[in-house]
Amino acid sequence: MDAFWISLAVIFVAELGDKSQLMALTFATRFRTLPVLAGITIATTVVHLLSVALGGFLGDTLPTTAISIAAGVAFLGFALWTLRGDELTAAEASKAQRATRSVLLAVTGAFFLSELGDKTMLATITLATQHGWLGTWIGSTVGMVAADALAILVGRLLGTHLPEKWIKYGASAAFAVFGLILIAEAI
């Protein structure tokens, strides 16, 4: 259960202001919410399963102290990445706007591709090196889908009046705290 809750919280925070959250909002402005969330869930489930498999392998083969320090440094990097921000490129926005034939397939494909190598994937790999794969997989998937669902809901309710700057600062600070805790525990 610890792996589930930690992964849920970390990935939820990581997803705030992420480009895939912006994609979710873009898809949801054009299509019904349920197929958009279903596509996000399918893509996230597969990407995070691959992530925990890789993280579990690394966790089993590398020394624990090295993993903790590397994970802490990675989380500090995620904090900086979050501060820098993610933007939806014109090509990604165009894909989201053109997808009309099969919303579920379009959203699933777009999210799968956008998550490969993204900070939430890397954070999931990092978490899986230290926690059980099943709890990490389910927690990270639920955290990401919940953050994207929240973006869709808040975006529909508040439109463009979201305090994106403060969301970015809060998410970055949370990553920095997690990183420092991991490094302190390793030392």
N, C-alpha and C. Protein backbone atom coordinates (compact mmCIF):
# COMPACT_ATOMS: atom_id res chain seq x y z
N MET A 1 0.82 -1.20 0.00
CA MET A 1 0.00 0.00 0.00
C MET A 1 0.87 1.27 0.00
N ASP A 2 2.05 1.19 0.65
CA ASP A 2 2.94 2.35 0.65
C ASP A 2 3.33 2.74 -0.78
N ALA A 3 3.67 1.73 -1.57
CA ALA A 3 4.06 1.99 -2.97
C ALA A 3 2.91 2.65 -3.73
N PHE A 4 1.70 2.19 -3.49
CA PHE A 4 0.52 2.76 -4.15
C PHE A 4 0.37 4.24 -3.80
N TRP A 5 0.37 4.56 -2.50
CA TRP A 5 0.11 5.94 -2.08
C TRP A 5 1.24 6.88 -2.47
N ILE A 6 2.47 6.42 -2.32
CA ILE A 6 3.62 7.26 -2.71
C ILE A 6 3.58 7.53 -4.21
N SER A 7 3.36 6.49 -4.99
CA SER A 7 3.32 6.64 -6.45
C SER A 7 2.16 7.52 -6.89
N LEU A 8 1.01 7.32 -6.27
CA LEU A 8 -0.14 8.14 -6.62
C LEU A 8 0.17 9.62 -6.38
N ALA A 9 0.71 9.93 -5.22
CA ALA A 9 0.99 11.33 -4.88
C ALA A 9 2.07 11.93 -5.77
N VAL A 10 3.16 11.20 -5.97
CA VAL A 10 4.26 11.73 -6.77
C VAL A 10 3.84 11.94 -8.22
N ILE A 11 3.17 10.98 -8.81
CA ILE A 11 2.79 11.09 -10.22
C ILE A 11 1.67 12.11 -10.39
N PHE A 12 0.77 12.21 -9.44
CA PHE A 12 -0.26 13.26 -9.51
C PHE A 12 0.40 14.64 -9.58
N VAL A 13 1.36 14.86 -8.69
CA VAL A 13 2.08 16.14 -8.67
C VAL A 13 2.88 16.33 -9.96
N ALA A 14 3.53 15.26 -10.42
CA ALA A 14 4.34 15.35 -11.64
C ALA A 14 3.50 15.72 -12.85
N GLU A 15 2.28 15.29 -12.87
CA GLU A 15 1.42 15.52 -14.03
C GLU A 15 0.86 16.93 -14.07
N LEU A 16 0.87 17.64 -12.93
CA LEU A 16 0.34 19.00 -12.91
C LEU A 16 1.16 19.90 -13.83
N GLY A 17 0.51 20.48 -14.81
CA GLY A 17 1.17 21.37 -15.75
C GLY A 17 1.96 20.66 -16.83
N ASP A 18 1.89 19.32 -16.88
CA ASP A 18 2.62 18.55 -17.88
C ASP A 18 1.93 18.67 -19.24
N LYS A 19 2.67 18.41 -20.32
CA LYS A 19 2.10 18.55 -21.65
C LYS A 19 0.96 17.57 -21.89
N SER A 20 1.01 16.38 -21.28
CA SER A 20 -0.09 15.46 -21.47
C SER A 20 -1.35 15.95 -20.78
N GLN A 21 -1.20 16.70 -19.71
CA GLN A 21 -2.36 17.32 -19.08
C GLN A 21 -2.97 18.37 -20.02
N LEU A 22 -2.12 19.09 -20.70
CA LEU A 22 -2.61 20.06 -21.69
C LEU A 22 -3.28 19.35 -22.86
N MET A 23 -2.75 18.19 -23.25
CA MET A 23 -3.39 17.41 -24.31
C MET A 23 -4.77 16.93 -23.86
N ALA A 24 -4.87 16.49 -22.61
CA ALA A 24 -6.16 16.04 -22.09
C ALA A 24 -7.18 17.16 -22.17
N LEU A 25 -6.76 18.32 -21.78
CA LEU A 25 -7.65 19.48 -21.83
C LEU A 25 -8.05 19.80 -23.27
N THR A 26 -7.10 19.71 -24.19
CA THR A 26 -7.38 19.98 -25.59
C THR A 26 -8.36 18.97 -26.16
N PHE A 27 -8.12 17.68 -25.90
CA PHE A 27 -9.05 16.65 -26.37
C PHE A 27 -10.44 16.85 -25.76
N ALA A 28 -10.48 17.18 -24.48
CA ALA A 28 -11.77 17.30 -23.78
C ALA A 28 -12.57 18.50 -24.25
N THR A 29 -11.91 19.51 -24.81
CA THR A 29 -12.69 20.65 -25.32
C THR A 29 -13.40 20.30 -26.62
N ARG A 30 -12.94 19.23 -27.26
CA ARG A 30 -13.52 18.85 -28.55
C ARG A 30 -14.38 17.60 -28.48
N PHE A 31 -14.09 16.70 -27.54
CA PHE A 31 -14.77 15.42 -27.48
C PHE A 31 -15.36 15.20 -26.09
N ARG A 32 -16.23 14.18 -26.01
CA ARG A 32 -16.82 13.83 -24.72
C ARG A 32 -15.73 13.38 -23.75
N THR A 33 -15.94 13.65 -22.50
CA THR A 33 -14.94 13.38 -21.47
C THR A 33 -14.64 11.89 -21.31
N LEU A 34 -15.66 11.04 -21.33
CA LEU A 34 -15.46 9.61 -21.07
C LEU A 34 -14.49 8.94 -22.05
N PRO A 35 -14.64 9.11 -23.37
CA PRO A 35 -13.66 8.48 -24.26
C PRO A 35 -12.25 9.06 -24.10
N VAL A 36 -12.17 10.33 -23.77
CA VAL A 36 -10.86 10.95 -23.54
C VAL A 36 -10.20 10.31 -22.32
N LEU A 37 -10.93 10.20 -21.23
CA LEU A 37 -10.37 9.58 -20.02
C LEU A 37 -10.06 8.11 -20.23
N ALA A 38 -10.88 7.41 -21.00
CA ALA A 38 -10.62 5.99 -21.29
C ALA A 38 -9.31 5.85 -22.07
N GLY A 39 -9.10 6.69 -23.06
CA GLY A 39 -7.86 6.66 -23.83
C GLY A 39 -6.65 6.97 -22.98
N ILE A 40 -6.78 7.96 -22.11
CA ILE A 40 -5.69 8.32 -21.19
C ILE A 40 -5.37 7.13 -20.28
N THR A 41 -6.40 6.48 -19.77
CA THR A 41 -6.23 5.36 -18.85
C THR A 41 -5.53 4.19 -19.54
N ILE A 42 -5.95 3.86 -20.76
CA ILE A 42 -5.33 2.75 -21.49
C ILE A 42 -3.85 3.04 -21.75
N ALA A 43 -3.56 4.22 -22.27
CA ALA A 43 -2.16 4.57 -22.58
C ALA A 43 -1.31 4.59 -21.33
N THR A 44 -1.82 5.19 -20.27
CA THR A 44 -1.08 5.30 -19.02
C THR A 44 -0.82 3.92 -18.42
N THR A 45 -1.81 3.05 -18.47
CA THR A 45 -1.66 1.70 -17.93
C THR A 45 -0.50 0.97 -18.62
N VAL A 46 -0.43 1.07 -19.94
CA VAL A 46 0.62 0.37 -20.69
C VAL A 46 1.99 1.01 -20.45
N VAL A 47 2.07 2.34 -20.56
CA VAL A 47 3.36 3.02 -20.37
C VAL A 47 3.90 2.79 -18.97
N HIS A 48 3.04 2.87 -17.96
CA HIS A 48 3.51 2.70 -16.59
C HIS A 48 3.84 1.24 -16.27
N LEU A 49 3.21 0.29 -16.97
CA LEU A 49 3.61 -1.11 -16.80
C LEU A 49 5.02 -1.31 -17.33
N LEU A 50 5.31 -0.73 -18.48
CA LEU A 50 6.68 -0.80 -19.02
C LEU A 50 7.66 -0.11 -18.06
N SER A 51 7.24 1.00 -17.50
CA SER A 51 8.11 1.77 -16.58
C SER A 51 8.44 0.98 -15.33
N VAL A 52 7.44 0.35 -14.72
CA VAL A 52 7.72 -0.40 -13.49
C VAL A 52 8.53 -1.65 -13.78
N ALA A 53 8.36 -2.23 -14.95
CA ALA A 53 9.19 -3.39 -15.32
C ALA A 53 10.65 -2.97 -15.39
N LEU A 54 10.92 -1.86 -16.05
CA LEU A 54 12.29 -1.36 -16.14
C LEU A 54 12.82 -0.95 -14.77
N GLY A 55 12.00 -0.23 -14.00
CA GLY A 55 12.42 0.18 -12.66
C GLY A 55 12.65 -1.00 -11.73
N GLY A 56 11.81 -2.02 -11.82
CA GLY A 56 11.99 -3.21 -11.00
C GLY A 56 13.28 -3.94 -11.33
N PHE A 57 13.60 -4.03 -12.63
CA PHE A 57 14.85 -4.66 -13.06
C PHE A 57 16.04 -3.88 -12.52
N LEU A 58 16.01 -2.56 -12.67
CA LEU A 58 17.11 -1.74 -12.17
C LEU A 58 17.23 -1.83 -10.65
N GLY A 59 16.10 -1.85 -9.97
CA GLY A 59 16.10 -1.95 -8.51
C GLY A 59 16.68 -3.26 -8.01
N ASP A 60 16.48 -4.33 -8.78
CA ASP A 60 17.01 -5.63 -8.38
C ASP A 60 18.50 -5.78 -8.69
N THR A 61 19.02 -5.02 -9.64
CA THR A 61 20.39 -5.22 -10.08
C THR A 61 21.38 -4.18 -9.55
N LEU A 62 20.90 -3.03 -9.11
CA LEU A 62 21.80 -1.98 -8.64
C LEU A 62 21.79 -1.88 -7.12
N PRO A 63 22.88 -1.41 -6.50
CA PRO A 63 22.92 -1.25 -5.03
C PRO A 63 21.90 -0.21 -4.55
N THR A 64 21.31 -0.47 -3.40
CA THR A 64 20.25 0.37 -2.85
C THR A 64 20.70 1.82 -2.63
N THR A 65 21.87 2.03 -2.07
CA THR A 65 22.34 3.40 -1.81
C THR A 65 22.49 4.17 -3.11
N ALA A 66 23.06 3.54 -4.12
CA ALA A 66 23.23 4.20 -5.42
C ALA A 66 21.88 4.56 -6.03
N ILE A 67 20.92 3.65 -5.90
CA ILE A 67 19.57 3.91 -6.43
C ILE A 67 18.94 5.09 -5.71
N SER A 68 19.06 5.14 -4.38
CA SER A 68 18.47 6.25 -3.61
C SER A 68 19.07 7.59 -3.99
N ILE A 69 20.37 7.63 -4.13
CA ILE A 69 21.02 8.89 -4.51
C ILE A 69 20.62 9.28 -5.94
N ALA A 70 20.65 8.31 -6.86
CA ALA A 70 20.26 8.58 -8.25
C ALA A 70 18.79 9.03 -8.31
N ALA A 71 17.94 8.38 -7.53
CA ALA A 71 16.52 8.76 -7.51
C ALA A 71 16.36 10.17 -6.96
N GLY A 72 17.09 10.50 -5.90
CA GLY A 72 17.02 11.85 -5.34
C GLY A 72 17.47 12.90 -6.32
N VAL A 73 18.57 12.63 -7.02
CA VAL A 73 19.06 13.56 -8.04
C VAL A 73 18.04 13.66 -9.18
N ALA A 74 17.45 12.53 -9.56
CA ALA A 74 16.43 12.55 -10.61
C ALA A 74 15.25 13.42 -10.21
N PHE A 75 14.81 13.30 -8.96
CA PHE A 75 13.68 14.11 -8.51
C PHE A 75 14.04 15.59 -8.47
N LEU A 76 15.27 15.91 -8.11
CA LEU A 76 15.70 17.32 -8.18
C LEU A 76 15.68 17.79 -9.64
N GLY A 77 16.08 16.92 -10.55
CA GLY A 77 15.99 17.24 -11.98
C GLY A 77 14.55 17.44 -12.41
N PHE A 78 13.64 16.59 -11.91
CA PHE A 78 12.23 16.75 -12.24
C PHE A 78 11.69 18.08 -11.72
N ALA A 79 12.21 18.51 -10.56
CA ALA A 79 11.79 19.81 -10.01
C ALA A 79 12.18 20.93 -10.98
N LEU A 80 13.40 20.88 -11.49
CA LEU A 80 13.83 21.90 -12.45
C LEU A 80 13.05 21.79 -13.76
N TRP A 81 12.79 20.58 -14.21
CA TRP A 81 12.03 20.35 -15.44
C TRP A 81 10.63 20.95 -15.28
N THR A 82 10.03 20.74 -14.11
CA THR A 82 8.70 21.26 -13.86
C THR A 82 8.70 22.79 -13.84
N LEU A 83 9.74 23.38 -13.24
CA LEU A 83 9.85 24.85 -13.24
C LEU A 83 9.97 25.39 -14.65
N ARG A 84 10.76 24.70 -15.47
CA ARG A 84 10.91 25.12 -16.86
C ARG A 84 9.57 25.05 -17.59
N GLY A 85 8.79 24.05 -17.27
CA GLY A 85 7.46 23.91 -17.84
C GLY A 85 7.46 23.08 -19.11
N ASP A 86 6.29 22.58 -19.41
CA ASP A 86 6.05 21.83 -20.64
C ASP A 86 5.06 22.62 -21.47
N GLU A 87 5.27 22.59 -22.75
CA GLU A 87 4.34 23.26 -23.65
C GLU A 87 3.86 22.25 -24.66
N LEU A 88 2.64 22.40 -25.06
CA LEU A 88 2.07 21.58 -26.10
C LEU A 88 2.54 22.15 -27.42
N THR A 89 3.29 21.36 -28.20
CA THR A 89 3.80 21.87 -29.47
C THR A 89 2.65 22.03 -30.45
N ALA A 90 2.89 22.78 -31.50
CA ALA A 90 1.86 23.01 -32.52
C ALA A 90 1.44 21.68 -33.14
N ALA A 91 2.41 20.78 -33.36
CA ALA A 91 2.09 19.48 -33.95
C ALA A 91 1.20 18.66 -33.02
N GLU A 92 1.50 18.68 -31.71
CA GLU A 92 0.69 17.92 -30.75
C GLU A 92 -0.71 18.50 -30.64
N ALA A 93 -0.82 19.82 -30.64
CA ALA A 93 -2.14 20.47 -30.59
C ALA A 93 -2.92 20.16 -31.86
N SER A 94 -2.23 20.13 -32.99
CA SER A 94 -2.88 19.83 -34.26
C SER A 94 -3.42 18.40 -34.26
N LYS A 95 -2.63 17.44 -33.73
CA LYS A 95 -3.09 16.05 -33.64
C LYS A 95 -4.35 15.97 -32.80
N ALA A 96 -4.35 16.68 -31.68
CA ALA A 96 -5.51 16.64 -30.79
C ALA A 96 -6.74 17.23 -31.47
N GLN A 97 -6.56 18.25 -32.29
CA GLN A 97 -7.69 18.88 -32.97
C GLN A 97 -8.20 18.05 -34.15
N ARG A 98 -7.31 17.30 -34.83
CA ARG A 98 -7.70 16.53 -36.02
C ARG A 98 -8.35 15.20 -35.67
N ALA A 99 -8.14 14.69 -34.51
CA ALA A 99 -8.60 13.35 -34.16
C ALA A 99 -10.12 13.32 -34.08
N THR A 100 -10.76 12.78 -35.09
CA THR A 100 -12.22 12.75 -35.09
C THR A 100 -12.78 11.36 -35.35
N ARG A 101 -12.06 10.51 -36.09
CA ARG A 101 -12.61 9.20 -36.45
C ARG A 101 -12.88 8.34 -35.23
N SER A 102 -11.86 8.03 -34.52
CA SER A 102 -12.02 7.23 -33.31
C SER A 102 -11.33 7.96 -32.17
N VAL A 103 -12.13 8.60 -31.39
CA VAL A 103 -11.58 9.39 -30.29
C VAL A 103 -10.75 8.52 -29.36
N LEU A 104 -11.25 7.36 -29.00
CA LEU A 104 -10.54 6.48 -28.08
C LEU A 104 -9.16 6.10 -28.64
N LEU A 105 -9.11 5.68 -29.89
CA LEU A 105 -7.83 5.30 -30.49
C LEU A 105 -6.90 6.50 -30.62
N ALA A 106 -7.43 7.64 -31.00
CA ALA A 106 -6.61 8.84 -31.16
C ALA A 106 -6.01 9.28 -29.83
N VAL A 107 -6.82 9.31 -28.80
CA VAL A 107 -6.33 9.73 -27.48
C VAL A 107 -5.33 8.72 -26.94
N THR A 108 -5.63 7.44 -27.07
CA THR A 108 -4.72 6.41 -26.58
C THR A 108 -3.37 6.51 -27.28
N GLY A 109 -3.38 6.61 -28.60
CA GLY A 109 -2.13 6.71 -29.35
C GLY A 109 -1.35 7.97 -29.02
N ALA A 110 -2.04 9.09 -28.96
CA ALA A 110 -1.37 10.36 -28.66
C ALA A 110 -0.75 10.34 -27.27
N PHE A 111 -1.49 9.82 -26.29
CA PHE A 111 -0.97 9.78 -24.93
C PHE A 111 0.17 8.78 -24.79
N PHE A 112 0.04 7.64 -25.44
CA PHE A 112 1.11 6.65 -25.36
C PHE A 112 2.41 7.25 -25.88
N LEU A 113 2.36 7.85 -27.04
CA LEU A 113 3.57 8.43 -27.64
C LEU A 113 4.11 9.61 -26.84
N SER A 114 3.21 10.43 -26.31
CA SER A 114 3.68 11.61 -25.57
C SER A 114 4.28 11.25 -24.22
N GLU A 115 3.89 10.12 -23.67
CA GLU A 115 4.39 9.72 -22.35
C GLU A 115 5.74 9.01 -22.42
N LEU A 116 6.11 8.48 -23.58
CA LEU A 116 7.39 7.80 -23.69
C LEU A 116 8.51 8.80 -23.43
N GLY A 117 9.30 8.56 -22.40
CA GLY A 117 10.40 9.44 -22.05
C GLY A 117 9.99 10.69 -21.30
N ASP A 118 8.71 10.84 -20.98
CA ASP A 118 8.22 12.00 -20.25
C ASP A 118 8.59 11.89 -18.77
N LYS A 119 8.50 13.01 -18.05
CA LYS A 119 8.92 12.99 -16.65
C LYS A 119 8.07 12.05 -15.80
N THR A 120 6.79 11.85 -16.14
CA THR A 120 5.98 10.92 -15.35
C THR A 120 6.43 9.48 -15.58
N MET A 121 6.87 9.15 -16.79
CA MET A 121 7.41 7.82 -17.05
C MET A 121 8.72 7.63 -16.28
N LEU A 122 9.58 8.62 -16.35
CA LEU A 122 10.86 8.54 -15.65
C LEU A 122 10.66 8.50 -14.14
N ALA A 123 9.69 9.26 -13.63
CA ALA A 123 9.40 9.22 -12.20
C ALA A 123 8.87 7.85 -11.79
N THR A 124 8.05 7.24 -12.64
CA THR A 124 7.53 5.91 -12.34
C THR A 124 8.65 4.88 -12.32
N ILE A 125 9.58 4.97 -13.26
CA ILE A 125 10.75 4.08 -13.26
C ILE A 125 11.52 4.25 -11.95
N THR A 126 11.73 5.51 -11.59
CA THR A 126 12.48 5.81 -10.37
C THR A 126 11.78 5.24 -9.14
N LEU A 127 10.46 5.43 -9.05
CA LEU A 127 9.71 4.90 -7.91
C LEU A 127 9.77 3.37 -7.86
N ALA A 128 9.71 2.74 -9.03
CA ALA A 128 9.71 1.27 -9.08
C ALA A 128 11.04 0.67 -8.66
N THR A 129 12.12 1.47 -8.68
CA THR A 129 13.39 0.93 -8.21
C THR A 129 13.40 0.75 -6.70
N GLN A 130 12.48 1.42 -6.01
CA GLN A 130 12.50 1.39 -4.55
C GLN A 130 11.25 0.81 -3.91
N HIS A 131 10.20 0.65 -4.69
CA HIS A 131 8.93 0.18 -4.13
C HIS A 131 8.43 -1.00 -4.97
N GLY A 132 7.45 -1.70 -4.46
CA GLY A 132 6.89 -2.83 -5.18
C GLY A 132 6.29 -2.41 -6.52
N TRP A 133 6.44 -3.28 -7.52
CA TRP A 133 6.01 -2.92 -8.88
C TRP A 133 4.50 -2.78 -8.98
N LEU A 134 3.74 -3.64 -8.33
CA LEU A 134 2.29 -3.60 -8.48
C LEU A 134 1.70 -2.32 -7.88
N GLY A 135 2.10 -2.00 -6.65
CA GLY A 135 1.61 -0.77 -6.02
C GLY A 135 2.05 0.47 -6.78
N THR A 136 3.29 0.45 -7.27
CA THR A 136 3.80 1.58 -8.04
C THR A 136 3.03 1.72 -9.35
N TRP A 137 2.78 0.61 -10.02
CA TRP A 137 2.06 0.63 -11.30
C TRP A 137 0.64 1.17 -11.11
N ILE A 138 -0.08 0.61 -10.16
CA ILE A 138 -1.46 1.04 -9.96
C ILE A 138 -1.51 2.48 -9.44
N GLY A 139 -0.66 2.80 -8.47
CA GLY A 139 -0.64 4.16 -7.91
C GLY A 139 -0.27 5.21 -8.94
N SER A 140 0.75 4.92 -9.75
CA SER A 140 1.18 5.90 -10.75
C SER A 140 0.11 6.08 -11.83
N THR A 141 -0.55 5.00 -12.20
CA THR A 141 -1.61 5.08 -13.20
C THR A 141 -2.79 5.88 -12.66
N VAL A 142 -3.22 5.57 -11.45
CA VAL A 142 -4.34 6.31 -10.84
C VAL A 142 -3.97 7.78 -10.65
N GLY A 143 -2.74 8.05 -10.21
CA GLY A 143 -2.31 9.44 -10.02
C GLY A 143 -2.33 10.24 -11.30
N MET A 144 -1.87 9.65 -12.38
CA MET A 144 -1.85 10.38 -13.65
C MET A 144 -3.26 10.59 -14.20
N VAL A 145 -4.07 9.56 -14.17
CA VAL A 145 -5.44 9.69 -14.68
C VAL A 145 -6.22 10.69 -13.82
N ALA A 146 -6.01 10.67 -12.51
CA ALA A 146 -6.70 11.62 -11.63
C ALA A 146 -6.27 13.06 -11.93
N ALA A 147 -4.98 13.28 -12.15
CA ALA A 147 -4.50 14.63 -12.46
C ALA A 147 -5.06 15.12 -13.80
N ASP A 148 -5.11 14.23 -14.79
CA ASP A 148 -5.67 14.62 -16.08
C ASP A 148 -7.17 14.86 -16.00
N ALA A 149 -7.86 14.02 -15.21
CA ALA A 149 -9.30 14.23 -15.01
C ALA A 149 -9.56 15.56 -14.31
N LEU A 150 -8.72 15.87 -13.34
CA LEU A 150 -8.85 17.15 -12.64
C LEU A 150 -8.63 18.32 -13.60
N ALA A 151 -7.65 18.19 -14.47
CA ALA A 151 -7.37 19.25 -15.45
C ALA A 151 -8.57 19.47 -16.36
N ILE A 152 -9.17 18.37 -16.79
CA ILE A 152 -10.34 18.47 -17.66
C ILE A 152 -11.49 19.15 -16.92
N LEU A 153 -11.74 18.70 -15.70
CA LEU A 153 -12.84 19.26 -14.92
C LEU A 153 -12.62 20.73 -14.60
N VAL A 154 -11.45 21.06 -14.09
CA VAL A 154 -11.15 22.44 -13.72
C VAL A 154 -11.12 23.32 -14.97
N GLY A 155 -10.55 22.78 -16.04
CA GLY A 155 -10.49 23.53 -17.29
C GLY A 155 -11.87 23.86 -17.82
N ARG A 156 -12.77 22.93 -17.72
CA ARG A 156 -14.15 23.17 -18.17
C ARG A 156 -14.86 24.18 -17.27
N LEU A 157 -14.55 24.13 -15.98
CA LEU A 157 -15.21 25.04 -15.04
C LEU A 157 -14.62 26.45 -15.05
N LEU A 158 -13.29 26.53 -15.11
CA LEU A 158 -12.65 27.82 -14.95
C LEU A 158 -12.08 28.42 -16.24
N GLY A 159 -12.03 27.61 -17.29
CA GLY A 159 -11.50 28.14 -18.54
C GLY A 159 -10.03 28.48 -18.44
N THR A 160 -9.64 29.65 -18.89
CA THR A 160 -8.24 30.05 -18.94
C THR A 160 -7.78 30.80 -17.69
N HIS A 161 -8.56 30.82 -16.65
CA HIS A 161 -8.21 31.57 -15.44
C HIS A 161 -7.49 30.72 -14.40
N LEU A 162 -6.79 29.67 -14.84
CA LEU A 162 -6.07 28.81 -13.91
C LEU A 162 -4.73 29.44 -13.53
N PRO A 163 -4.36 29.36 -12.27
CA PRO A 163 -3.07 29.91 -11.83
C PRO A 163 -1.92 28.95 -12.16
N GLU A 164 -1.61 28.81 -13.45
CA GLU A 164 -0.61 27.84 -13.91
C GLU A 164 0.75 28.05 -13.24
N LYS A 165 1.11 29.30 -13.02
CA LYS A 165 2.41 29.60 -12.41
C LYS A 165 2.51 28.99 -11.01
N TRP A 166 1.46 29.11 -10.22
CA TRP A 166 1.50 28.59 -8.85
C TRP A 166 1.45 27.07 -8.83
N ILE A 167 0.72 26.49 -9.78
CA ILE A 167 0.68 25.03 -9.88
C ILE A 167 2.09 24.52 -10.20
N LYS A 168 2.76 25.19 -11.13
CA LYS A 168 4.12 24.81 -11.52
C LYS A 168 5.08 24.93 -10.33
N TYR A 169 4.99 26.01 -9.57
CA TYR A 169 5.87 26.20 -8.41
C TYR A 169 5.62 25.13 -7.34
N GLY A 170 4.36 24.83 -7.08
CA GLY A 170 4.03 23.82 -6.07
C GLY A 170 4.52 22.45 -6.45
N ALA A 171 4.31 22.06 -7.72
CA ALA A 171 4.77 20.75 -8.19
C ALA A 171 6.29 20.66 -8.14
N SER A 172 6.96 21.73 -8.54
CA SER A 172 8.42 21.76 -8.51
C SER A 172 8.95 21.63 -7.08
N ALA A 173 8.33 22.34 -6.15
CA ALA A 173 8.74 22.26 -4.75
C ALA A 173 8.54 20.85 -4.19
N ALA A 174 7.44 20.20 -4.57
CA ALA A 174 7.19 18.84 -4.10
C ALA A 174 8.27 17.88 -4.61
N PHE A 175 8.63 18.02 -5.87
CA PHE A 175 9.71 17.18 -6.42
C PHE A 175 11.01 17.42 -5.68
N ALA A 176 11.33 18.68 -5.42
CA ALA A 176 12.57 19.01 -4.72
C ALA A 176 12.58 18.38 -3.32
N VAL A 177 11.47 18.45 -2.62
CA VAL A 177 11.38 17.86 -1.28
C VAL A 177 11.58 16.35 -1.35
N PHE A 178 10.88 15.68 -2.30
CA PHE A 178 11.06 14.23 -2.45
C PHE A 178 12.52 13.89 -2.75
N GLY A 179 13.15 14.67 -3.63
CA GLY A 179 14.55 14.43 -3.98
C GLY A 179 15.47 14.57 -2.80
N LEU A 180 15.29 15.63 -2.03
CA LEU A 180 16.14 15.85 -0.86
C LEU A 180 15.94 14.77 0.19
N ILE A 181 14.72 14.33 0.37
CA ILE A 181 14.44 13.24 1.33
C ILE A 181 15.14 11.95 0.91
N LEU A 182 15.06 11.62 -0.39
CA LEU A 182 15.71 10.41 -0.88
C LEU A 182 17.23 10.47 -0.68
N ILE A 183 17.82 11.60 -0.99
CA ILE A 183 19.27 11.75 -0.82
C ILE A 183 19.65 11.67 0.65
N ALA A 184 18.88 12.34 1.50
CA ALA A 184 19.16 12.32 2.95
C ALA A 184 19.05 10.90 3.51
N GLU A 185 18.06 10.14 3.06
CA GLU A 185 17.90 8.76 3.53
C GLU A 185 19.05 7.87 3.07
N ALA A 186 19.59 8.15 1.89
CA ALA A 186 20.69 7.34 1.36
C ALA A 186 22.00 7.61 2.09
N ILE A 187 22.17 8.85 2.53
CA ILE A 187 23.42 9.24 3.19
C ILE A 187 23.28 8.91 4.65
